[in-house]
């Protein structure tokens, strides 16, 4: 479930911490714990690594610019330190 939440936050460019916490609180309700934000950020990094390498490999295979764009976006996201 955390991978899905991290993907939702990352893929929609939600960088504001308060908004991220609101999403996590909305999902977890009474089970929310502040440590979940740190866990979510770790999953966001994993997700960005995964899509970066996938897109980079696909670009090298196909030379399709769309894959290069995705790889570059994911590289930039990885530079944004959560």
N, C-alpha and C. Protein backbone atom coordinates (compact mmCIF):
# COMPACT_ATOMS: atom_id res chain seq x y z
N UNK A 1 0.82 -1.20 0.00
CA UNK A 1 0.00 0.00 0.00
C UNK A 1 0.86 1.27 0.00
N UNK A 2 2.01 1.22 0.69
CA UNK A 2 2.85 2.41 0.74
C UNK A 2 3.43 2.73 -0.63
N UNK A 3 3.77 1.71 -1.41
CA UNK A 3 4.28 1.97 -2.76
C UNK A 3 3.22 2.71 -3.58
N UNK A 4 1.97 2.31 -3.45
CA UNK A 4 0.90 2.98 -4.19
C UNK A 4 0.72 4.43 -3.72
N UNK A 5 0.76 4.64 -2.42
CA UNK A 5 0.64 6.01 -1.90
C UNK A 5 1.82 6.87 -2.33
N UNK A 6 3.01 6.30 -2.26
CA UNK A 6 4.21 7.03 -2.69
C UNK A 6 4.13 7.36 -4.18
N UNK A 7 3.64 6.44 -4.97
CA UNK A 7 3.48 6.68 -6.41
C UNK A 7 2.47 7.79 -6.66
N UNK A 8 1.37 7.75 -5.93
CA UNK A 8 0.34 8.78 -6.07
C UNK A 8 0.94 10.16 -5.79
N UNK A 9 1.68 10.27 -4.71
CA UNK A 9 2.26 11.55 -4.32
C UNK A 9 3.34 11.99 -5.32
N UNK A 10 4.22 11.07 -5.65
CA UNK A 10 5.33 11.39 -6.54
C UNK A 10 4.88 11.71 -7.95
N UNK A 11 4.03 10.85 -8.50
CA UNK A 11 3.61 11.03 -9.90
C UNK A 11 2.75 12.28 -10.10
N UNK A 12 2.15 12.77 -9.03
CA UNK A 12 1.35 13.99 -9.14
C UNK A 12 2.12 15.23 -8.69
N UNK A 13 3.42 15.05 -8.42
CA UNK A 13 4.27 16.19 -8.09
C UNK A 13 3.89 16.90 -6.80
N UNK A 14 3.39 16.16 -5.83
CA UNK A 14 2.99 16.76 -4.56
C UNK A 14 4.24 16.83 -3.67
N UNK A 15 4.85 17.99 -3.63
CA UNK A 15 6.10 18.16 -2.88
C UNK A 15 5.88 18.85 -1.53
N UNK A 16 4.72 19.40 -1.33
CA UNK A 16 4.41 20.09 -0.08
C UNK A 16 4.18 19.05 1.02
N UNK A 17 4.96 19.15 2.09
CA UNK A 17 4.89 18.17 3.17
C UNK A 17 3.50 18.12 3.81
N UNK A 18 2.88 19.27 4.00
CA UNK A 18 1.54 19.28 4.62
C UNK A 18 0.54 18.52 3.75
N UNK A 19 0.65 18.67 2.45
CA UNK A 19 -0.25 17.95 1.55
C UNK A 19 0.04 16.45 1.57
N UNK A 20 1.31 16.09 1.65
CA UNK A 20 1.67 14.68 1.74
C UNK A 20 1.10 14.06 3.02
N UNK A 21 1.26 14.76 4.12
CA UNK A 21 0.74 14.28 5.40
C UNK A 21 -0.79 14.15 5.33
N UNK A 22 -1.45 15.11 4.69
CA UNK A 22 -2.91 15.05 4.57
C UNK A 22 -3.34 13.80 3.81
N UNK A 23 -2.62 13.45 2.76
CA UNK A 23 -2.94 12.23 2.01
C UNK A 23 -2.76 11.00 2.90
N UNK A 24 -1.64 10.95 3.61
CA UNK A 24 -1.38 9.81 4.48
C UNK A 24 -2.41 9.72 5.61
N UNK A 25 -2.74 10.86 6.20
CA UNK A 25 -3.76 10.88 7.25
C UNK A 25 -5.12 10.43 6.71
N UNK A 26 -5.43 10.90 5.51
CA UNK A 26 -6.70 10.51 4.90
C UNK A 26 -6.77 9.02 4.64
N UNK A 27 -5.67 8.44 4.25
CA UNK A 27 -5.66 7.00 3.95
C UNK A 27 -5.64 6.17 5.23
N UNK A 28 -4.74 6.52 6.15
CA UNK A 28 -4.56 5.69 7.34
C UNK A 28 -5.54 5.99 8.47
N UNK A 29 -6.12 7.18 8.46
CA UNK A 29 -7.07 7.52 9.52
C UNK A 29 -6.44 7.39 10.90
N UNK A 30 -7.08 6.64 11.78
CA UNK A 30 -6.60 6.47 13.16
C UNK A 30 -5.28 5.71 13.22
N UNK A 31 -4.94 4.99 12.17
CA UNK A 31 -3.68 4.25 12.15
C UNK A 31 -2.49 5.13 11.75
N UNK A 32 -2.75 6.40 11.44
CA UNK A 32 -1.67 7.29 11.01
C UNK A 32 -0.62 7.44 12.11
N UNK A 33 0.62 7.41 11.70
CA UNK A 33 1.77 7.62 12.58
C UNK A 33 2.72 8.56 11.84
N UNK A 34 3.26 9.58 12.50
CA UNK A 34 4.16 10.51 11.82
C UNK A 34 5.35 9.85 11.12
N UNK A 35 5.76 8.68 11.57
CA UNK A 35 6.87 7.98 10.93
C UNK A 35 6.52 7.50 9.52
N UNK A 36 5.24 7.45 9.22
CA UNK A 36 4.82 7.01 7.89
C UNK A 36 5.30 7.96 6.79
N UNK A 37 5.48 9.23 7.11
CA UNK A 37 5.97 10.18 6.10
C UNK A 37 7.38 9.81 5.65
N UNK A 38 8.23 9.47 6.60
CA UNK A 38 9.59 9.05 6.27
C UNK A 38 9.56 7.77 5.43
N UNK A 39 8.72 6.84 5.81
CA UNK A 39 8.58 5.60 5.04
C UNK A 39 8.09 5.89 3.62
N UNK A 40 7.15 6.79 3.52
CA UNK A 40 6.63 7.18 2.20
C UNK A 40 7.74 7.78 1.34
N UNK A 41 8.57 8.63 1.92
CA UNK A 41 9.66 9.25 1.17
C UNK A 41 10.65 8.19 0.66
N UNK A 42 10.91 7.18 1.47
CA UNK A 42 11.79 6.09 1.02
C UNK A 42 11.18 5.38 -0.18
N UNK A 43 9.89 5.11 -0.11
CA UNK A 43 9.23 4.45 -1.22
C UNK A 43 9.20 5.34 -2.46
N UNK A 44 9.10 6.65 -2.25
CA UNK A 44 9.12 7.57 -3.39
C UNK A 44 10.47 7.49 -4.08
N UNK A 45 11.56 7.39 -3.31
CA UNK A 45 12.88 7.24 -3.92
C UNK A 45 12.98 5.93 -4.69
N UNK A 46 12.49 4.85 -4.08
CA UNK A 46 12.50 3.55 -4.77
C UNK A 46 11.73 3.63 -6.08
N UNK A 47 10.57 4.25 -6.01
CA UNK A 47 9.73 4.38 -7.19
C UNK A 47 10.43 5.19 -8.27
N UNK A 48 11.10 6.25 -7.89
CA UNK A 48 11.82 7.07 -8.87
C UNK A 48 13.01 6.32 -9.48
N UNK A 49 13.72 5.55 -8.66
CA UNK A 49 14.81 4.72 -9.21
C UNK A 49 14.26 3.71 -10.20
N UNK A 50 13.21 3.04 -9.81
CA UNK A 50 12.60 2.04 -10.68
C UNK A 50 12.23 2.63 -12.03
N UNK A 51 11.50 3.74 -12.04
CA UNK A 51 11.05 4.33 -13.31
C UNK A 51 12.20 4.97 -14.08
N UNK A 52 13.21 5.50 -13.37
CA UNK A 52 14.36 6.05 -14.06
C UNK A 52 15.06 4.96 -14.88
N UNK A 53 15.38 3.85 -14.21
CA UNK A 53 16.10 2.78 -14.92
C UNK A 53 15.26 2.15 -16.02
N UNK A 54 13.97 1.99 -15.77
CA UNK A 54 13.08 1.45 -16.79
C UNK A 54 13.07 2.37 -18.02
N UNK A 55 12.86 3.67 -17.79
CA UNK A 55 12.77 4.62 -18.90
C UNK A 55 14.10 4.75 -19.62
N UNK A 56 15.19 4.76 -18.88
CA UNK A 56 16.51 4.86 -19.51
C UNK A 56 16.77 3.66 -20.41
N UNK A 57 16.45 2.47 -19.92
CA UNK A 57 16.63 1.25 -20.70
C UNK A 57 15.74 1.26 -21.94
N UNK A 58 14.49 1.66 -21.76
CA UNK A 58 13.56 1.70 -22.89
C UNK A 58 14.03 2.73 -23.93
N UNK A 59 14.58 3.85 -23.47
CA UNK A 59 15.10 4.85 -24.41
C UNK A 59 16.26 4.27 -25.21
N UNK A 60 17.15 3.57 -24.53
CA UNK A 60 18.29 2.97 -25.23
C UNK A 60 17.84 1.91 -26.23
N UNK A 61 16.74 1.22 -25.93
CA UNK A 61 16.21 0.20 -26.84
C UNK A 61 15.52 0.80 -28.05
N UNK A 62 14.74 1.85 -27.81
CA UNK A 62 13.82 2.35 -28.84
C UNK A 62 14.20 3.70 -29.42
N UNK A 63 15.01 4.46 -28.70
CA UNK A 63 15.35 5.83 -29.08
C UNK A 63 14.12 6.75 -29.13
N UNK A 64 13.07 6.37 -28.40
CA UNK A 64 11.85 7.19 -28.30
C UNK A 64 12.09 8.30 -27.28
N UNK A 65 11.87 9.54 -27.70
CA UNK A 65 12.12 10.70 -26.85
C UNK A 65 11.29 10.68 -25.56
N UNK A 66 10.09 10.12 -25.63
CA UNK A 66 9.22 10.10 -24.44
C UNK A 66 9.91 9.39 -23.28
N UNK A 67 10.64 8.31 -23.58
CA UNK A 67 11.34 7.59 -22.52
C UNK A 67 12.49 8.42 -21.95
N UNK A 68 13.14 9.18 -22.81
CA UNK A 68 14.21 10.06 -22.33
C UNK A 68 13.64 11.13 -21.41
N UNK A 69 12.48 11.68 -21.76
CA UNK A 69 11.83 12.69 -20.93
C UNK A 69 11.50 12.12 -19.56
N UNK A 70 10.94 10.91 -19.53
CA UNK A 70 10.60 10.27 -18.26
C UNK A 70 11.87 10.05 -17.43
N UNK A 71 12.92 9.53 -18.05
CA UNK A 71 14.17 9.29 -17.34
C UNK A 71 14.72 10.59 -16.74
N UNK A 72 14.68 11.67 -17.51
CA UNK A 72 15.17 12.95 -17.01
C UNK A 72 14.33 13.48 -15.86
N UNK A 73 13.00 13.30 -15.95
CA UNK A 73 12.12 13.74 -14.86
C UNK A 73 12.41 12.96 -13.58
N UNK A 74 12.62 11.67 -13.73
CA UNK A 74 12.90 10.83 -12.56
C UNK A 74 14.28 11.15 -11.98
N UNK A 75 15.24 11.47 -12.82
CA UNK A 75 16.56 11.87 -12.33
C UNK A 75 16.43 13.15 -11.51
N UNK A 76 15.66 14.11 -12.01
CA UNK A 76 15.45 15.36 -11.27
C UNK A 76 14.75 15.09 -9.94
N UNK A 77 13.78 14.19 -9.94
CA UNK A 77 13.05 13.86 -8.72
C UNK A 77 14.00 13.24 -7.69
N UNK A 78 14.95 12.45 -8.16
CA UNK A 78 15.90 11.83 -7.24
C UNK A 78 16.83 12.87 -6.61
N UNK A 79 17.05 13.97 -7.31
CA UNK A 79 17.89 15.03 -6.75
C UNK A 79 17.16 15.83 -5.68
N UNK A 80 15.81 15.75 -5.69
CA UNK A 80 15.01 16.42 -4.67
C UNK A 80 15.03 15.53 -3.44
N UNK A 81 15.75 15.95 -2.42
CA UNK A 81 15.96 15.11 -1.25
C UNK A 81 14.81 15.26 -0.27
N UNK A 82 14.10 14.17 -0.01
CA UNK A 82 13.00 14.19 0.96
C UNK A 82 13.54 14.03 2.35
